[in-house]
PDB file of N, CA and C in Angstrom:
ATOM      1  N   MET A   1      28.290  25.297  11.632  1.00  0.00           N
ATOM      2  CA  MET A   1      28.036  24.565  10.401  1.00  0.00           C
ATOM      3  C   MET A   1      27.738  25.576   9.298  1.00  0.00           C
ATOM      4  N   THR A   2      28.446  25.458   8.233  1.00  0.00           N
ATOM      5  CA  THR A   2      28.243  26.401   7.143  1.00  0.00           C
ATOM      6  C   THR A   2      27.100  25.943   6.254  1.00  0.00           C
ATOM      7  N   THR A   3      26.622  26.853   5.438  1.00  0.00           N
ATOM      8  CA  THR A   3      25.534  26.550   4.526  1.00  0.00           C
ATOM      9  C   THR A   3      25.952  25.476   3.531  1.00  0.00           C
ATOM     10  N   TYR A   4      27.217  25.520   3.126  1.00  0.00           N
ATOM     11  CA  TYR A   4      27.690  24.539   2.156  1.00  0.00           C
ATOM     12  C   TYR A   4      27.665  23.135   2.732  1.00  0.00           C
ATOM     13  N   SER A   5      28.105  22.960   3.940  1.00  0.00           N
ATOM     14  CA  SER A   5      28.108  21.624   4.526  1.00  0.00           C
ATOM     15  C   SER A   5      26.682  21.143   4.788  1.00  0.00           C
ATOM     16  N   ARG A   6      25.788  22.053   5.151  1.00  0.00           N
ATOM     17  CA  ARG A   6      24.384  21.665   5.329  1.00  0.00           C
ATOM     18  C   ARG A   6      23.802  21.208   4.003  1.00  0.00           C
ATOM     19  N   LEU A   7      24.135  21.897   2.935  1.00  0.00           N
ATOM     20  CA  LEU A   7      23.654  21.529   1.610  1.00  0.00           C
ATOM     21  C   LEU A   7      24.211  20.162   1.205  1.00  0.00           C
ATOM     22  N   ASP A   8      25.485  19.925   1.508  1.00  0.00           N
ATOM     23  CA  ASP A   8      26.081  18.619   1.216  1.00  0.00           C
ATOM     24  C   ASP A   8      25.349  17.509   1.966  1.00  0.00           C
ATOM     25  N   GLN A   9      25.014  17.743   3.208  1.00  0.00           N
ATOM     26  CA  GLN A   9      24.306  16.743   4.010  1.00  0.00           C
ATOM     27  C   GLN A   9      22.919  16.451   3.422  1.00  0.00           C
ATOM     28  N   ILE A  10      22.245  17.509   3.021  1.00  0.00           N
ATOM     29  CA  ILE A  10      20.910  17.336   2.431  1.00  0.00           C
ATOM     30  C   ILE A  10      21.015  16.549   1.121  1.00  0.00           C
ATOM     31  N   GLU A  11      21.989  16.876   0.291  1.00  0.00           N
ATOM     32  CA  GLU A  11      22.179  16.157  -0.972  1.00  0.00           C
ATOM     33  C   GLU A  11      22.506  14.683  -0.711  1.00  0.00           C
ATOM     34  N   GLU A  12      23.315  14.425   0.307  1.00  0.00           N
ATOM     35  CA  GLU A  12      23.661  13.045   0.652  1.00  0.00           C
ATOM     36  C   GLU A  12      22.425  12.272   1.118  1.00  0.00           C
ATOM     37  N   ARG A  13      21.606  12.913   1.935  1.00  0.00           N
ATOM     38  CA  ARG A  13      20.372  12.272   2.400  1.00  0.00           C
ATOM     39  C   ARG A  13      19.435  11.970   1.234  1.00  0.00           C
ATOM     40  N   VAL A  14      19.300  12.921   0.320  1.00  0.00           N
ATOM     41  CA  VAL A  14      18.431  12.716  -0.840  1.00  0.00           C
ATOM     42  C   VAL A  14      18.962  11.569  -1.695  1.00  0.00           C
ATOM     43  N   ALA A  15      20.261  11.506  -1.881  1.00  0.00           N
ATOM     44  CA  ALA A  15      20.847  10.418  -2.667  1.00  0.00           C
ATOM     45  C   ALA A  15      20.591   9.075  -1.992  1.00  0.00           C
ATOM     46  N   ASN A  16      20.745   9.013  -0.676  1.00  0.00           N
ATOM     47  CA  ASN A  16      20.471   7.772   0.064  1.00  0.00           C
ATOM     48  C   ASN A  16      18.996   7.391  -0.025  1.00  0.00           C
ATOM     49  N   GLN A  17      18.128   8.382   0.066  1.00  0.00           N
ATOM     50  CA  GLN A  17      16.695   8.112  -0.045  1.00  0.00           C
ATOM     51  C   GLN A  17      16.337   7.626  -1.441  1.00  0.00           C
ATOM     52  N   ASP A  18      16.951   8.216  -2.458  1.00  0.00           N
ATOM     53  CA  ASP A  18      16.715   7.770  -3.830  1.00  0.00           C
ATOM     54  C   ASP A  18      17.115   6.302  -3.986  1.00  0.00           C
ATOM     55  N   GLN A  19      18.262   5.916  -3.410  1.00  0.00           N
ATOM     56  CA  GLN A  19      18.711   4.530  -3.507  1.00  0.00           C
ATOM     57  C   GLN A  19      17.751   3.606  -2.757  1.00  0.00           C
ATOM     58  N   THR A  20      17.289   4.037  -1.603  1.00  0.00           N
ATOM     59  CA  THR A  20      16.335   3.234  -0.833  1.00  0.00           C
ATOM     60  C   THR A  20      15.041   3.043  -1.618  1.00  0.00           C
ATOM     61  N   ILE A  21      14.573   4.088  -2.257  1.00  0.00           N
ATOM     62  CA  ILE A  21      13.349   4.003  -3.067  1.00  0.00           C
ATOM     63  C   ILE A  21      13.559   3.034  -4.226  1.00  0.00           C
ATOM     64  N   GLU A  22      14.698   3.095  -4.882  1.00  0.00           N
ATOM     65  CA  GLU A  22      14.995   2.172  -5.982  1.00  0.00           C
ATOM     66  C   GLU A  22      15.041   0.726  -5.492  1.00  0.00           C
ATOM     67  N   ASP A  23      15.678   0.514  -4.327  1.00  0.00           N
ATOM     68  CA  ASP A  23      15.752  -0.838  -3.755  1.00  0.00           C
ATOM     69  C   ASP A  23      14.360  -1.372  -3.419  1.00  0.00           C
ATOM     70  N   LEU A  24      13.535  -0.533  -2.815  1.00  0.00           N
ATOM     71  CA  LEU A  24      12.176  -0.942  -2.466  1.00  0.00           C
ATOM     72  C   LEU A  24      11.354  -1.224  -3.716  1.00  0.00           C
ATOM     73  N   ASN A  25      11.521  -0.404  -4.733  1.00  0.00           N
ATOM     74  CA  ASN A  25      10.806  -0.617  -5.986  1.00  0.00           C
ATOM     75  C   ASN A  25      11.193  -1.958  -6.604  1.00  0.00           C
ATOM     76  N   GLN A  26      12.473  -2.293  -6.580  1.00  0.00           N
ATOM     77  CA  GLN A  26      12.929  -3.570  -7.123  1.00  0.00           C
ATOM     78  C   GLN A  26      12.361  -4.735  -6.318  1.00  0.00           C
ATOM     79  N   THR A  27      12.328  -4.586  -5.008  1.00  0.00           N
ATOM     80  CA  THR A  27      11.765  -5.630  -4.147  1.00  0.00           C
ATOM     81  C   THR A  27      10.294  -5.851  -4.460  1.00  0.00           C
ATOM     82  N   ILE A  28       9.551  -4.777  -4.610  1.00  0.00           N
ATOM     83  CA  ILE A  28       8.123  -4.876  -4.922  1.00  0.00           C
ATOM     84  C   ILE A  28       7.920  -5.516  -6.288  1.00  0.00           C
ATOM     85  N   THR A  29       8.724  -5.119  -7.260  1.00  0.00           N
ATOM     86  CA  THR A  29       8.626  -5.704  -8.600  1.00  0.00           C
ATOM     87  C   THR A  29       8.895  -7.207  -8.558  1.00  0.00           C
ATOM     88  N   ASP A  30       9.925  -7.597  -7.823  1.00  0.00           N
ATOM     89  CA  ASP A  30      10.246  -9.028  -7.692  1.00  0.00           C
ATOM     90  C   ASP A  30       9.114  -9.785  -7.004  1.00  0.00           C
ATOM     91  N   GLN A  31       8.527  -9.180  -5.991  1.00  0.00           N
ATOM     92  CA  GLN A  31       7.421  -9.836  -5.283  1.00  0.00           C
ATOM     93  C   GLN A  31       6.207 -10.009  -6.184  1.00  0.00           C
ATOM     94  N   TRP A  32       5.893  -9.015  -6.995  1.00  0.00           N
ATOM     95  CA  TRP A  32       4.751  -9.140  -7.905  1.00  0.00           C
ATOM     96  C   TRP A  32       4.992 -10.235  -8.938  1.00  0.00           C
ATOM     97  N   LYS A  33       6.235 -10.336  -9.407  1.00  0.00           N
ATOM     98  CA  LYS A  33       6.550 -11.420 -10.347  1.00  0.00           C
ATOM     99  C   LYS A  33       6.343 -12.774  -9.685  1.00  0.00           C
ATOM    100  N   GLU A  34       6.779 -12.905  -8.441  1.00  0.00           N
ATOM    101  CA  GLU A  34       6.611 -14.167  -7.708  1.00  0.00           C
ATOM    102  C   GLU A  34       5.130 -14.452  -7.444  1.00  0.00           C
ATOM    103  N   ILE A  35       4.367 -13.433  -7.099  1.00  0.00           N
ATOM    104  CA  ILE A  35       2.922 -13.605  -6.880  1.00  0.00           C
ATOM    105  C   ILE A  35       2.253 -14.071  -8.169  1.00  0.00           C
ATOM    106  N   ASP A  36       2.600 -13.461  -9.291  1.00  0.00           N
ATOM    107  CA  ASP A  36       2.022 -13.867 -10.573  1.00  0.00           C
ATOM    108  C   ASP A  36       2.381 -15.318 -10.893  1.00  0.00           C
ATOM    109  N   ARG A  37       3.638 -15.699 -10.639  1.00  0.00           N
ATOM    110  CA  ARG A  37       4.058 -17.077 -10.885  1.00  0.00           C
ATOM    111  C   ARG A  37       3.275 -18.043 -10.001  1.00  0.00           C
ATOM    112  N   LEU A  38       3.108 -17.685  -8.738  1.00  0.00           N
ATOM    113  CA  LEU A  38       2.374 -18.549  -7.816  1.00  0.00           C
ATOM    114  C   LEU A  38       0.895 -18.650  -8.195  1.00  0.00           C
ATOM    115  N   LYS A  39       0.311 -17.562  -8.679  1.00  0.00           N
ATOM    116  CA  LYS A  39      -1.082 -17.607  -9.134  1.00  0.00           C
ATOM    117  C   LYS A  39      -1.241 -18.548 -10.321  1.00  0.00           C
ATOM    118  N   ARG A  40      -0.295 -18.468 -11.271  1.00  0.00           N
ATOM    119  CA  ARG A  40      -0.350 -19.368 -12.428  1.00  0.00           C
ATOM    120  C   ARG A  40      -0.216 -20.821 -11.978  1.00  0.00           C
ATOM    121  N   GLU A  41       0.686 -21.075 -11.050  1.00  0.00           N
ATOM    122  CA  GLU A  41       0.875 -22.434 -10.543  1.00  0.00           C
ATOM    123  C   GLU A  41      -0.374 -22.925  -9.815  1.00  0.00           C
ATOM    124  N   LEU A  42      -0.984 -22.057  -9.014  1.00  0.00           N
ATOM    125  CA  LEU A  42      -2.211 -22.428  -8.318  1.00  0.00           C
ATOM    126  C   LEU A  42      -3.325 -22.752  -9.305  1.00  0.00           C
ATOM    127  N   ASN A  43      -3.471 -21.949 -10.339  1.00  0.00           N
ATOM    128  CA  ASN A  43      -4.487 -22.212 -11.371  1.00  0.00           C
ATOM    129  C   ASN A  43      -4.226 -23.536 -12.071  1.00  0.00           C
ATOM    130  N   ARG A  44      -2.947 -23.805 -12.368  1.00  0.00           N
ATOM    131  CA  ARG A  44      -2.596 -25.063 -13.022  1.00  0.00           C
ATOM    132  C   ARG A  44      -2.937 -26.254 -12.125  1.00  0.00           C
ATOM    133  N   LEU A  45      -2.600 -26.142 -10.846  1.00  0.00           N
ATOM    134  CA  LEU A  45      -2.896 -27.230  -9.913  1.00  0.00           C
ATOM    135  C   LEU A  45      -4.397 -27.400  -9.695  1.00  0.00           C
ATOM    136  N   THR A  46      -5.129 -26.293  -9.664  1.00  0.00           N
ATOM    137  CA  THR A  46      -6.582 -26.361  -9.520  1.00  0.00           C
ATOM    138  C   THR A  46      -7.197 -27.077 -10.718  1.00  0.00           C
ATOM    139  N   ASP A  47      -6.736 -26.724 -11.915  1.00  0.00           N
ATOM    140  CA  ASP A  47      -7.232 -27.407 -13.121  1.00  0.00           C
ATOM    141  C   ASP A  47      -6.886 -28.890 -13.083  1.00  0.00           C
ATOM    142  N   GLN A  48      -5.688 -29.186 -12.639  1.00  0.00           N
ATOM    143  CA  GLN A  48      -5.261 -30.587 -12.563  1.00  0.00           C
ATOM    144  C   GLN A  48      -6.136 -31.361 -11.568  1.00  0.00           C
ATOM    145  N   MET A  49      -6.447 -30.755 -10.434  1.00  0.00           N
ATOM    146  CA  MET A  49      -7.311 -31.414  -9.443  1.00  0.00           C
ATOM    147  C   MET A  49      -8.716 -31.625 -10.003  1.00  0.00           C
ATOM    148  N   ARG A  50      -9.227 -30.658 -10.735  1.00  0.00           N
ATOM    149  CA  ARG A  50     -10.546 -30.814 -11.351  1.00  0.00           C
ATOM    150  C   ARG A  50     -10.557 -31.977 -12.349  1.00  0.00           C
ATOM    151  N   ASP A  51      -9.466 -32.083 -13.112  1.00  0.00           N
ATOM    152  CA  ASP A  51      -9.358 -33.195 -14.060  1.00  0.00           C
ATOM    153  C   ASP A  51      -9.346 -34.532 -13.329  1.00  0.00           C
ATOM    154  N   VAL A  52      -8.595 -34.611 -12.256  1.00  0.00           N
ATOM    155  CA  VAL A  52      -8.522 -35.856 -11.483  1.00  0.00           C
ATOM    156  C   VAL A  52      -9.878 -36.177 -10.868  1.00  0.00           C
ATOM    157  N   GLU A  53     -10.529 -35.168 -10.294  1.00  0.00           N
ATOM    158  CA  GLU A  53     -11.851 -35.384  -9.695  1.00  0.00           C
ATOM    159  C   GLU A  53     -12.854 -35.818 -10.762  1.00  0.00           C
ATOM    160  N   GLY A  54     -12.755 -35.218 -11.943  1.00  0.00           N
ATOM    161  CA  GLY A  54     -13.653 -35.594 -13.033  1.00  0.00           C
ATOM    162  C   GLY A  54     -13.423 -37.028 -13.464  1.00  0.00           C
ATOM    163  N   ALA A  55     -12.164 -37.432 -13.557  1.00  0.00           N
ATOM    164  CA  ALA A  55     -11.852 -38.803 -13.960  1.00  0.00           C
ATOM    165  C   ALA A  55     -12.336 -39.790 -12.897  1.00  0.00           C
ATOM    166  N   LEU A  56     -12.159 -39.457 -11.642  1.00  0.00           N
ATOM    167  CA  LEU A  56     -12.635 -40.334 -10.570  1.00  0.00           C
ATOM    168  C   LEU A  56     -14.158 -40.384 -10.547  1.00  0.00           C
ATOM    169  N   GLY A  57     -14.782 -39.255 -10.805  1.00  0.00           N
ATOM    170  CA  GLY A  57     -16.242 -39.206 -10.828  1.00  0.00           C
ATOM    171  C   GLY A  57     -16.813 -40.086 -11.931  1.00  0.00           C
ATOM    172  N   ASP A  58     -16.146 -40.082 -13.076  1.00  0.00           N
ATOM    173  CA  ASP A  58     -16.591 -40.937 -14.185  1.00  0.00           C
ATOM    174  C   ASP A  58     -16.469 -42.416 -13.809  1.00  0.00           C
ATOM    175  N   ARG A  59     -15.434 -42.773 -13.110  1.00  0.00           N
ATOM    176  CA  ARG A  59     -15.227 -44.170 -12.718  1.00  0.00           C
ATOM    177  C   ARG A  59     -16.225 -44.618 -11.653  1.00  0.00           C
ATOM    178  N   LEU A  60     -16.641 -43.667 -10.817  1.00  0.00           N
ATOM    179  CA  LEU A  60     -17.561 -44.012  -9.736  1.00  0.00           C
ATOM    180  C   LEU A  60     -19.020 -43.813 -10.138  1.00  0.00           C
ATOM    181  N   GLY A  61     -19.271 -43.512 -11.363  1.00  0.00           N
ATOM    182  CA  GLY A  61     -20.640 -43.327 -11.822  1.00  0.00           C
ATOM    183  C   GLY A  61     -21.186 -41.951 -11.529  1.00  0.00           C
ATOM    184  N   GLY A  62     -20.342 -40.978 -11.434  1.00  0.00           N
ATOM    185  CA  GLY A  62     -20.812 -39.611 -11.240  1.00  0.00           C
ATOM    186  C   GLY A  62     -20.716 -39.178  -9.801  1.00  0.00           C
ATOM    187  N   LYS A  63     -21.747 -39.409  -9.037  1.00  0.00           N
ATOM    188  CA  LYS A  63     -21.778 -38.944  -7.658  1.00  0.00           C
ATOM    189  C   LYS A  63     -21.218 -40.001  -6.720  1.00  0.00           C
ATOM    190  N   GLU A  64     -20.742 -39.509  -5.616  1.00  0.00           N
ATOM    191  CA  GLU A  64     -20.269 -40.403  -4.565  1.00  0.00           C
ATOM    192  C   GLU A  64     -21.484 -41.039  -3.900  1.00  0.00           C
ATOM    193  N   PRO A  65     -21.459 -42.324  -3.623  1.00  0.00           N
ATOM    194  CA  PRO A  65     -22.617 -42.952  -2.993  1.00  0.00           C
ATOM    195  C   PRO A  65     -22.840 -42.410  -1.593  1.00  0.00           C
ATOM    196  N   PRO A  66     -24.093 -42.381  -1.133  1.00  0.00           N
ATOM    197  CA  PRO A  66     -24.348 -41.865   0.218  1.00  0.00           C
ATOM    198  C   PRO A  66     -23.747 -42.798   1.260  1.00  0.00           C
ATOM    199  N   PRO A  67     -23.472 -42.267   2.429  1.00  0.00           N
ATOM    200  CA  PRO A  67     -22.932 -43.095   3.498  1.00  0.00           C
ATOM    201  C   PRO A  67     -23.927 -44.194   3.885  1.00  0.00           C
ATOM    202  N   PRO A  68     -23.481 -45.287   4.488  1.00  0.00           N
ATOM    203  CA  PRO A  68     -24.336 -46.422   4.792  1.00  0.00           C
ATOM    204  C   PRO A  68     -25.496 -46.106   5.734  1.00  0.00           C
ATOM    205  N   HIS A  69     -25.406 -45.077   6.541  1.00  0.00           N
ATOM    206  CA  HIS A  69     -26.483 -44.802   7.497  1.00  0.00           C
ATOM    207  C   HIS A  69     -27.687 -44.113   6.866  1.00  0.00           C
ATOM    208  N   TYR A  70     -27.671 -43.833   5.567  1.00  0.00           N
ATOM    209  CA  TYR A  70     -28.821 -43.215   4.912  1.00  0.00           C
ATOM    210  C   TYR A  70     -29.837 -44.242   4.505  1.00  0.00           C
TER     211      TYR A  70
END
């Protein structure tokens, strides 16, 4: 194996590794975007549940009545 062919192999490996790093970086970026979207959706749903619980609480006079065995 000549030095030139060894150098070509090393350059090819580095190029493949660079592409793999770029692919992984894109995957991570996409995942963070999805995580952020899911966090916003969770916050929205949590707020919506609080609103519903508040509306139900107002209709029931605030607190839930104690169970009959009290």
